[in-house]
Amino acid sequence: MHKPLRIASAVAACAVTGTVLYGTGAATAGQSTANSTHEPYNIGQLSKDIDTYYGTTLDADGVYQASPDSPYADDLARADAAAKKQIDWAARTAHHRHTRPAIVFDIDDTLLLSLDYEKKNNYGYDGDTWADYVDRADRPAVPGSPDLVRYAEKKGVEVFYNSGLSDAQRAAAVENLKKVGADVNLDTDHVFLKDKANPPSYLSHCATPGTWDCTTVEYKAGTRRHIERDLGYDVVANVGDQYSDLQGGWADRTYKLPNPTYFVE
């Protein structure tokens, strides 16, 4: 997964005041700080602020974890509570509205926490080390998110996943999701990953076999469009840690989870 503007985005995210709920097409706030012309935030202080926000601790296995009592966990809990209300509403009204409600989740730092990779790589990114990290399939959960997956399933809201991970990483992603308790609909009909060699026909406006020109927004919105138009579901909620996970429409409500360490356009 390409992850540009990591430290620049962290400058904006470090001033987190709470998780934000957006309506369809409105998830555009907070993206301008990276282009500011004033003196940048001090990187050393920024790193400390990120640790404070996550409540970063090193566990007995040498893995950096987020504290369940951290501001990060509090912001996640508020987003999850709002999403559960939307799930409850969708479940109550589906029969009368003759709809098939669905919820779409991103994976990286929406369900699987990459804090350990971020810390140990100085908030930088390298494609090879990132691929190795994903393939280990041992990332911890983003606090509360697997519970939200199971909650949606219990309420009869169909669960889908829409991730920037490559199709070659499917087995590792599925294994890791199972480990953290997000073991719901992990088949190929519900887990959408990037297949640049053989992209699906519903992305033909920006991708053909061997040629991938889709932006993150085009890919993710195009997949949600497929879930609604082709598969016949109503995407009542879309959950992600990046604005690009949420833009482009094809969701009744979008839920932005906090991520102070990188920004994906």
C-alpha atoms as a PDB file:
ATOM      1  CA  MET A   1       0.000   0.000   0.000  1.00  0.00           C
ATOM      2  CA  HIS A   2       1.395   3.388  -0.977  1.00  0.00           C
ATOM      3  CA  LYS A   3       1.496   5.677   2.037  1.00  0.00           C
ATOM      4  CA  PRO A   4       2.715   9.185   1.127  1.00  0.00           C
ATOM      5  CA  LEU A   5       2.945  12.297   3.281  1.00  0.00           C
ATOM      6  CA  ARG A   6       3.371  10.364   6.516  1.00  0.00           C
ATOM      7  CA  ILE A   7       4.953  12.991   8.783  1.00  0.00           C
ATOM      8  CA  ALA A   8       3.186  15.913   7.114  1.00  0.00           C
ATOM      9  CA  SER A   9      -0.169  14.306   7.770  1.00  0.00           C
ATOM     10  CA  ALA A  10       0.792  13.576  11.344  1.00  0.00           C
ATOM     11  CA  VAL A  11       1.201  17.306  11.937  1.00  0.00           C
ATOM     12  CA  ALA A  12      -2.459  17.774  11.144  1.00  0.00           C
ATOM     13  CA  ALA A  13      -3.617  14.717  13.050  1.00  0.00           C
ATOM     14  CA  CYS A  14      -1.701  15.535  16.189  1.00  0.00           C
ATOM     15  CA  ALA A  15      -4.221  18.228  17.037  1.00  0.00           C
ATOM     16  CA  VAL A  16      -6.983  15.636  17.243  1.00  0.00           C
ATOM     17  CA  THR A  17      -9.979  16.861  19.193  1.00  0.00           C
ATOM     18  CA  GLY A  18     -12.195  13.855  18.563  1.00  0.00           C
ATOM     19  CA  THR A  19     -13.248  11.428  15.901  1.00  0.00           C
ATOM     20  CA  VAL A  20     -15.374  13.002  13.198  1.00  0.00           C
ATOM     21  CA  LEU A  21     -18.601  11.680  11.706  1.00  0.00           C
ATOM     22  CA  TYR A  22     -19.165  12.740   8.105  1.00  0.00           C
ATOM     23  CA  GLY A  23     -22.150  12.532   5.822  1.00  0.00           C
ATOM     24  CA  THR A  24     -21.764  11.215   2.305  1.00  0.00           C
ATOM     25  CA  GLY A  25     -19.287  13.245   0.277  1.00  0.00           C
ATOM     26  CA  ALA A  26     -18.337  15.548   3.139  1.00  0.00           C
ATOM     27  CA  ALA A  27     -15.146  13.937   4.418  1.00  0.00           C
ATOM     28  CA  THR A  28     -12.773  16.640   3.253  1.00  0.00           C
ATOM     29  CA  ALA A  29     -11.849  18.552   6.401  1.00  0.00           C
ATOM     30  CA  GLY A  30      -8.385  18.508   7.919  1.00  0.00           C
ATOM     31  CA  GLN A  31      -6.366  17.914   4.763  1.00  0.00           C
ATOM     32  CA  SER A  32      -4.801  21.346   4.232  1.00  0.00           C
ATOM     33  CA  THR A  33      -2.218  21.401   7.023  1.00  0.00           C
ATOM     34  CA  ALA A  34       0.375  19.506   4.964  1.00  0.00           C
ATOM     35  CA  ASN A  35       0.510  22.478   2.579  1.00  0.00           C
ATOM     36  CA  SER A  36       0.985  25.118   5.265  1.00  0.00           C
ATOM     37  CA  THR A  37       3.792  27.630   4.776  1.00  0.00           C
ATOM     38  CA  HIS A  38       4.478  28.280   8.467  1.00  0.00           C
ATOM     39  CA  GLU A  39       7.346  26.590  10.324  1.00  0.00           C
ATOM     40  CA  PRO A  40       6.549  22.858  10.625  1.00  0.00           C
ATOM     41  CA  TYR A  41       5.857  21.212  13.932  1.00  0.00           C
ATOM     42  CA  ASN A  42       9.017  19.847  15.589  1.00  0.00           C
ATOM     43  CA  ILE A  43       9.364  16.165  14.667  1.00  0.00           C
ATOM     44  CA  GLY A  44      10.799  15.146  18.039  1.00  0.00           C
ATOM     45  CA  GLN A  45       7.913  16.754  19.891  1.00  0.00           C
ATOM     46  CA  LEU A  46       5.458  15.382  17.381  1.00  0.00           C
ATOM     47  CA  SER A  47       6.671  11.837  18.027  1.00  0.00           C
ATOM     48  CA  LYS A  48       6.153  12.350  21.762  1.00  0.00           C
ATOM     49  CA  ASP A  49       2.665  13.713  21.163  1.00  0.00           C
ATOM     50  CA  ILE A  50       1.788  10.695  19.023  1.00  0.00           C
ATOM     51  CA  ASP A  51       2.955   8.376  21.819  1.00  0.00           C
ATOM     52  CA  THR A  52       0.840  10.297  24.317  1.00  0.00           C
ATOM     53  CA  TYR A  53      -2.190  10.109  22.039  1.00  0.00           C
ATOM     54  CA  TYR A  54      -1.858   6.340  21.562  1.00  0.00           C
ATOM     55  CA  GLY A  55      -0.715   5.713  25.129  1.00  0.00           C
ATOM     56  CA  THR A  56       2.065   3.751  23.442  1.00  0.00           C
ATOM     57  CA  THR A  57       3.487   0.856  25.460  1.00  0.00           C
ATOM     58  CA  LEU A  58       5.947  -1.911  24.625  1.00  0.00           C
ATOM     59  CA  ASP A  59       4.502  -5.299  25.549  1.00  0.00           C
ATOM     60  CA  ALA A  60       6.360  -8.403  26.745  1.00  0.00           C
ATOM     61  CA  ASP A  61       6.826  -9.567  23.149  1.00  0.00           C
ATOM     62  CA  GLY A  62       8.477  -6.288  22.132  1.00  0.00           C
ATOM     63  CA  VAL A  63       5.438  -5.032  20.213  1.00  0.00           C
ATOM     64  CA  TYR A  64       4.254  -1.438  20.506  1.00  0.00           C
ATOM     65  CA  GLN A  65       0.614  -1.345  21.568  1.00  0.00           C
ATOM     66  CA  ALA A  66      -2.017   1.365  22.024  1.00  0.00           C
ATOM     67  CA  SER A  67      -3.386   1.723  25.532  1.00  0.00           C
ATOM     68  CA  PRO A  68      -7.098   0.994  26.063  1.00  0.00           C
ATOM     69  CA  ASP A  69      -7.162   4.078  28.309  1.00  0.00           C
ATOM     70  CA  SER A  70      -5.627   6.446  25.746  1.00  0.00           C
ATOM     71  CA  PRO A  71      -7.189   9.451  24.000  1.00  0.00           C
ATOM     72  CA  TYR A  72      -6.934   7.337  20.824  1.00  0.00           C
ATOM     73  CA  ALA A  73      -9.090   4.616  22.367  1.00  0.00           C
ATOM     74  CA  ASP A  74     -11.589   7.222  23.575  1.00  0.00           C
ATOM     75  CA  ASP A  75     -11.910   8.682  20.078  1.00  0.00           C
ATOM     76  CA  LEU A  76     -12.358   5.211  18.601  1.00  0.00           C
ATOM     77  CA  ALA A  77     -15.077   4.431  21.131  1.00  0.00           C
ATOM     78  CA  ARG A  78     -17.013   7.554  20.147  1.00  0.00           C
ATOM     79  CA  ALA A  79     -16.835   6.635  16.460  1.00  0.00           C
ATOM     80  CA  ASP A  80     -17.901   3.054  17.193  1.00  0.00           C
ATOM     81  CA  ALA A  81     -20.855   4.231  19.265  1.00  0.00           C
ATOM     82  CA  ALA A  82     -22.036   6.459  16.426  1.00  0.00           C
ATOM     83  CA  ALA A  83     -21.629   3.625  13.904  1.00  0.00           C
ATOM     84  CA  LYS A  84     -23.609   1.254  16.135  1.00  0.00           C
ATOM     85  CA  LYS A  85     -26.509   3.707  16.169  1.00  0.00           C
ATOM     86  CA  GLN A  86     -26.462   3.713  12.376  1.00  0.00           C
ATOM     87  CA  ILE A  87     -26.321  -0.095  12.332  1.00  0.00           C
ATOM     88  CA  ASP A  88     -29.263  -0.269  14.737  1.00  0.00           C
ATOM     89  CA  TRP A  89     -31.271   2.118  12.563  1.00  0.00           C
ATOM     90  CA  ALA A  90     -30.474   0.152   9.406  1.00  0.00           C
ATOM     91  CA  ALA A  91     -31.436  -3.140  11.048  1.00  0.00           C
ATOM     92  CA  ARG A  92     -34.751  -1.711  12.297  1.00  0.00           C
ATOM     93  CA  THR A  93     -35.752  -0.171   8.990  1.00  0.00           C
ATOM     94  CA  ALA A  94     -34.442  -2.725   6.467  1.00  0.00           C
ATOM     95  CA  HIS A  95     -37.693  -4.717   6.340  1.00  0.00           C
ATOM     96  CA  HIS A  96     -39.920  -1.667   5.864  1.00  0.00           C
ATOM     97  CA  ARG A  97     -37.576  -0.056   3.341  1.00  0.00           C
ATOM     98  CA  HIS A  98     -37.027  -3.359   1.492  1.00  0.00           C
ATOM     99  CA  THR A  99     -33.270  -2.887   1.612  1.00  0.00           C
ATOM    100  CA  ARG A 100     -30.262  -5.108   2.254  1.00  0.00           C
ATOM    101  CA  PRO A 101     -28.063  -3.007   4.574  1.00  0.00           C
ATOM    102  CA  ALA A 102     -24.280  -3.335   4.440  1.00  0.00           C
ATOM    103  CA  ILE A 103     -21.267  -1.848   6.192  1.00  0.00           C
ATOM    104  CA  VAL A 104     -17.849  -1.430   4.561  1.00  0.00           C
ATOM    105  CA  PHE A 105     -14.586  -1.471   6.514  1.00  0.00           C
ATOM    106  CA  ASP A 106     -11.080  -0.493   5.500  1.00  0.00           C
ATOM    107  CA  ILE A 107      -8.454  -2.862   6.999  1.00  0.00           C
ATOM    108  CA  ASP A 108      -5.115  -1.108   7.724  1.00  0.00           C
ATOM    109  CA  ASP A 109      -5.439   0.986  10.896  1.00  0.00           C
ATOM    110  CA  THR A 110      -9.196   0.561  10.783  1.00  0.00           C
ATOM    111  CA  LEU A 111      -9.221  -3.081  11.891  1.00  0.00           C
ATOM    112  CA  LEU A 112      -5.513  -3.971  12.137  1.00  0.00           C
ATOM    113  CA  LEU A 113      -3.214  -1.591  14.013  1.00  0.00           C
ATOM    114  CA  SER A 114       0.159  -0.771  12.415  1.00  0.00           C
ATOM    115  CA  LEU A 115       1.581   1.254  15.301  1.00  0.00           C
ATOM    116  CA  ASP A 116       4.451  -1.191  15.852  1.00  0.00           C
ATOM    117  CA  TYR A 117       5.575  -0.809  12.232  1.00  0.00           C
ATOM    118  CA  GLU A 118       5.259   2.958  12.416  1.00  0.00           C
ATOM    119  CA  LYS A 119       7.302   3.275  15.607  1.00  0.00           C
ATOM    120  CA  LYS A 120      10.048   0.907  14.519  1.00  0.00           C
ATOM    121  CA  ASN A 121      10.392   2.613  11.136  1.00  0.00           C
ATOM    122  CA  ASN A 122      10.428   6.191  12.452  1.00  0.00           C
ATOM    123  CA  TYR A 123       7.047   6.764  10.800  1.00  0.00           C
ATOM    124  CA  GLY A 124       8.605   6.110   7.427  1.00  0.00           C
ATOM    125  CA  TYR A 125       7.532   3.643   4.762  1.00  0.00           C
ATOM    126  CA  ASP A 126       9.298   1.071   2.631  1.00  0.00           C
ATOM    127  CA  GLY A 127       7.342  -1.224   0.336  1.00  0.00           C
ATOM    128  CA  ASP A 128       9.414  -4.327   1.075  1.00  0.00           C
ATOM    129  CA  THR A 129       9.419  -4.022   4.866  1.00  0.00           C
ATOM    130  CA  TRP A 130       5.718  -3.153   4.844  1.00  0.00           C
ATOM    131  CA  ALA A 131       4.926  -6.264   2.767  1.00  0.00           C
ATOM    132  CA  ASP A 132       6.944  -8.425   5.161  1.00  0.00           C
ATOM    133  CA  TYR A 133       5.103  -6.872   8.106  1.00  0.00           C
ATOM    134  CA  VAL A 134       1.684  -7.566   6.571  1.00  0.00           C
ATOM    135  CA  ASP A 135       2.672 -11.115   5.641  1.00  0.00           C
ATOM    136  CA  ARG A 136       3.522 -11.932   9.271  1.00  0.00           C
ATOM    137  CA  ALA A 137      -0.207 -11.602   9.985  1.00  0.00           C
ATOM    138  CA  ASP A 138       0.357 -10.705  13.622  1.00  0.00           C
ATOM    139  CA  ARG A 139      -0.881  -7.113  13.873  1.00  0.00           C
ATOM    140  CA  PRO A 140      -3.047  -6.396  16.921  1.00  0.00           C
ATOM    141  CA  ALA A 141      -6.576  -5.109  16.537  1.00  0.00           C
ATOM    142  CA  VAL A 142      -7.554  -1.476  16.376  1.00  0.00           C
ATOM    143  CA  PRO A 143      -9.325  -1.289  19.758  1.00  0.00           C
ATOM    144  CA  GLY A 144     -13.039  -1.950  19.430  1.00  0.00           C
ATOM    145  CA  SER A 145     -13.152  -2.398  15.658  1.00  0.00           C
ATOM    146  CA  PRO A 146     -13.494  -6.223  15.546  1.00  0.00           C
ATOM    147  CA  ASP A 147     -16.355  -5.851  18.035  1.00  0.00           C
ATOM    148  CA  LEU A 148     -18.034  -3.461  15.602  1.00  0.00           C
ATOM    149  CA  VAL A 149     -17.668  -6.029  12.803  1.00  0.00           C
ATOM    150  CA  ARG A 150     -19.339  -8.693  14.937  1.00  0.00           C
ATOM    151  CA  TYR A 151     -22.013  -6.244  16.080  1.00  0.00           C
ATOM    152  CA  ALA A 152     -22.985  -5.532  12.475  1.00  0.00           C
ATOM    153  CA  GLU A 153     -23.174  -9.244  11.711  1.00  0.00           C
ATOM    154  CA  LYS A 154     -25.360  -9.857  14.775  1.00  0.00           C
ATOM    155  CA  LYS A 155     -27.750  -7.116  13.649  1.00  0.00           C
ATOM    156  CA  GLY A 156     -28.040  -8.552  10.151  1.00  0.00           C
ATOM    157  CA  VAL A 157     -25.988  -5.878   8.403  1.00  0.00           C
ATOM    158  CA  GLU A 158     -23.760  -7.455   5.748  1.00  0.00           C
ATOM    159  CA  VAL A 159     -20.037  -6.906   6.332  1.00  0.00           C
ATOM    160  CA  PHE A 160     -17.652  -6.049   3.485  1.00  0.00           C
ATOM    161  CA  TYR A 161     -13.969  -5.073   3.469  1.00  0.00           C
ATOM    162  CA  ASN A 162     -12.456  -2.556   1.034  1.00  0.00           C
ATOM    163  CA  SER A 163      -8.681  -2.336   1.390  1.00  0.00           C
ATOM    164  CA  GLY A 164      -5.673  -0.977  -0.443  1.00  0.00           C
ATOM    165  CA  LEU A 165      -3.757  -4.167   0.315  1.00  0.00           C
ATOM    166  CA  SER A 166      -2.821  -6.148  -2.777  1.00  0.00           C
ATOM    167  CA  ASP A 167      -4.600  -9.338  -3.729  1.00  0.00           C
ATOM    168  CA  ALA A 168      -1.293 -11.164  -3.159  1.00  0.00           C
ATOM    169  CA  GLN A 169      -1.661 -10.269   0.540  1.00  0.00           C
ATOM    170  CA  ARG A 170      -5.138 -11.773   0.833  1.00  0.00           C
ATOM    171  CA  ALA A 171      -4.159 -14.890   2.790  1.00  0.00           C
ATOM    172  CA  ALA A 172      -2.188 -12.883   5.354  1.00  0.00           C
ATOM    173  CA  ALA A 173      -4.947 -10.290   5.734  1.00  0.00           C
ATOM    174  CA  VAL A 174      -7.607 -12.945   6.257  1.00  0.00           C
ATOM    175  CA  GLU A 175      -5.437 -14.833   8.759  1.00  0.00           C
ATOM    176  CA  ASN A 176      -4.752 -11.654  10.716  1.00  0.00           C
ATOM    177  CA  LEU A 177      -8.430 -10.627  10.757  1.00  0.00           C
ATOM    178  CA  LYS A 178      -9.328 -14.043  12.117  1.00  0.00           C
ATOM    179  CA  LYS A 179      -6.705 -13.714  14.846  1.00  0.00           C
ATOM    180  CA  VAL A 180      -8.167 -10.440  16.126  1.00  0.00           C
ATOM    181  CA  GLY A 181     -11.746 -11.687  16.092  1.00  0.00           C
ATOM    182  CA  ALA A 182     -13.002 -10.021  12.909  1.00  0.00           C
ATOM    183  CA  ASP A 183     -13.891 -13.440  11.506  1.00  0.00           C
ATOM    184  CA  VAL A 184     -16.923 -12.387   9.486  1.00  0.00           C
ATOM    185  CA  ASN A 185     -17.400 -12.805   5.716  1.00  0.00           C
ATOM    186  CA  LEU A 186     -13.727 -13.267   4.907  1.00  0.00           C
ATOM    187  CA  ASP A 187     -14.386 -14.841   1.506  1.00  0.00           C
ATOM    188  CA  THR A 188     -13.510 -13.324  -1.859  1.00  0.00           C
ATOM    189  CA  ASP A 189     -17.080 -12.082  -2.327  1.00  0.00           C
ATOM    190  CA  HIS A 190     -16.734  -9.784   0.683  1.00  0.00           C
ATOM    191  CA  VAL A 191     -13.028  -8.901   0.911  1.00  0.00           C
ATOM    192  CA  PHE A 192     -12.073  -6.473  -1.874  1.00  0.00           C
ATOM    193  CA  LEU A 193      -8.327  -5.983  -2.418  1.00  0.00           C
ATOM    194  CA  LYS A 194      -6.324  -4.414  -5.237  1.00  0.00           C
ATOM    195  CA  ASP A 195      -5.709  -6.769  -8.147  1.00  0.00           C
ATOM    196  CA  LYS A 196      -3.698  -4.632 -10.536  1.00  0.00           C
ATOM    197  CA  ALA A 197      -2.946  -7.502 -12.907  1.00  0.00           C
ATOM    198  CA  ASN A 198      -6.601  -8.409 -13.381  1.00  0.00           C
ATOM    199  CA  PRO A 199      -8.789  -5.566 -12.123  1.00  0.00           C
ATOM    200  CA  PRO A 200     -12.548  -6.103 -11.980  1.00  0.00           C
ATOM    201  CA  SER A 201     -14.732  -4.810 -14.791  1.00  0.00           C
ATOM    202  CA  TYR A 202     -16.492  -2.345 -12.489  1.00  0.00           C
ATOM    203  CA  LEU A 203     -13.212  -0.392 -12.311  1.00  0.00           C
ATOM    204  CA  SER A 204     -12.747  -0.303 -16.083  1.00  0.00           C
ATOM    205  CA  HIS A 205     -12.945   3.511 -16.062  1.00  0.00           C
ATOM    206  CA  CYS A 206      -9.526   3.629 -14.379  1.00  0.00           C
ATOM    207  CA  ALA A 207      -8.005   0.140 -14.574  1.00  0.00           C
ATOM    208  CA  THR A 208      -7.494  -2.478 -17.255  1.00  0.00           C
ATOM    209  CA  PRO A 209      -5.421  -5.699 -17.098  1.00  0.00           C
ATOM    210  CA  GLY A 210      -1.844  -4.643 -16.395  1.00  0.00           C
ATOM    211  CA  THR A 211      -2.677  -0.928 -16.217  1.00  0.00           C
ATOM    212  CA  TRP A 212      -3.868   0.627 -12.966  1.00  0.00           C
ATOM    213  CA  ASP A 213      -4.664   4.349 -12.968  1.00  0.00           C
ATOM    214  CA  CYS A 214      -7.239   4.379 -10.162  1.00  0.00           C
ATOM    215  CA  THR A 215      -6.748   6.833  -7.343  1.00  0.00           C
ATOM    216  CA  THR A 216      -7.552   5.583  -3.856  1.00  0.00           C
ATOM    217  CA  VAL A 217     -10.890   7.401  -3.977  1.00  0.00           C
ATOM    218  CA  GLU A 218     -11.762   5.977  -7.405  1.00  0.00           C
ATOM    219  CA  TYR A 219     -10.884   2.461  -6.292  1.00  0.00           C
ATOM    220  CA  LYS A 220     -12.748   2.573  -2.999  1.00  0.00           C
ATOM    221  CA  ALA A 221     -15.799   4.494  -4.211  1.00  0.00           C
ATOM    222  CA  GLY A 222     -15.944   2.278  -7.294  1.00  0.00           C
ATOM    223  CA  THR A 223     -15.994  -0.793  -5.084  1.00  0.00           C
ATOM    224  CA  ARG A 224     -18.804   0.621  -2.945  1.00  0.00           C
ATOM    225  CA  ARG A 225     -20.716   1.421  -6.124  1.00  0.00           C
ATOM    226  CA  HIS A 226     -20.292  -2.227  -7.150  1.00  0.00           C
ATOM    227  CA  ILE A 227     -21.613  -3.381  -3.752  1.00  0.00           C
ATOM    228  CA  GLU A 228     -24.692  -1.213  -4.171  1.00  0.00           C
ATOM    229  CA  ARG A 229     -25.459  -1.341  -7.893  1.00  0.00           C
ATOM    230  CA  ASP A 230     -24.252  -4.812  -8.811  1.00  0.00           C
ATOM    231  CA  LEU A 231     -24.677  -6.755  -5.572  1.00  0.00           C
ATOM    232  CA  GLY A 232     -27.863  -5.023  -4.474  1.00  0.00           C
ATOM    233  CA  TYR A 233     -26.885  -3.788  -1.014  1.00  0.00           C
ATOM    234  CA  ASP A 234     -27.404  -0.406   0.620  1.00  0.00           C
ATOM    235  CA  VAL A 235     -24.102   0.717   2.146  1.00  0.00           C
ATOM    236  CA  VAL A 236     -25.429   2.338   5.309  1.00  0.00           C
ATOM    237  CA  ALA A 237     -21.992   2.875   6.884  1.00  0.00           C
ATOM    238  CA  ASN A 238     -18.408   3.154   5.662  1.00  0.00           C
ATOM    239  CA  VAL A 239     -15.581   3.025   8.226  1.00  0.00           C
ATOM    240  CA  GLY A 240     -11.974   4.039   7.569  1.00  0.00           C
ATOM    241  CA  ASP A 241      -8.949   5.835   9.003  1.00  0.00           C
ATOM    242  CA  GLN A 242      -8.222   7.884   5.863  1.00  0.00           C
ATOM    243  CA  TYR A 243     -10.337  10.554   4.184  1.00  0.00           C
ATOM    244  CA  SER A 244      -9.688   8.732   0.908  1.00  0.00           C
ATOM    245  CA  ASP A 245     -11.402   5.667   2.407  1.00  0.00           C
ATOM    246  CA  LEU A 246     -14.569   7.719   2.715  1.00  0.00           C
ATOM    247  CA  GLN A 247     -14.777  10.102  -0.220  1.00  0.00           C
ATOM    248  CA  GLY A 248     -16.589   9.499  -3.482  1.00  0.00           C
ATOM    249  CA  GLY A 249     -20.073   8.677  -2.252  1.00  0.00           C
ATOM    250  CA  TRP A 250     -21.910   5.353  -2.259  1.00  0.00           C
ATOM    251  CA  ALA A 251     -22.409   5.276   1.514  1.00  0.00           C
ATOM    252  CA  ASP A 252     -25.178   6.740   3.678  1.00  0.00           C
ATOM    253  CA  ARG A 253     -22.797   7.626   6.522  1.00  0.00           C
ATOM    254  CA  THR A 254     -19.010   7.657   6.827  1.00  0.00           C
ATOM    255  CA  TYR A 255     -16.990   7.248  10.023  1.00  0.00           C
ATOM    256  CA  LYS A 256     -13.448   8.615  10.192  1.00  0.00           C
ATOM    257  CA  LEU A 257     -11.228   6.801  12.689  1.00  0.00           C
ATOM    258  CA  PRO A 258      -8.163   8.673  13.993  1.00  0.00           C
ATOM    259  CA  ASN A 259      -4.753   8.082  12.428  1.00  0.00           C
ATOM    260  CA  PRO A 260      -1.965  10.507  13.413  1.00  0.00           C
ATOM    261  CA  THR A 261       0.876   8.721  11.597  1.00  0.00           C
ATOM    262  CA  TYR A 262       0.248   8.760   7.822  1.00  0.00           C
ATOM    263  CA  PHE A 263      -1.955  10.150   5.089  1.00  0.00           C
ATOM    264  CA  VAL A 264      -3.115   8.302   1.957  1.00  0.00           C
ATOM    265  CA  GLU A 265      -4.318  10.429  -0.942  1.00  0.00           C
END
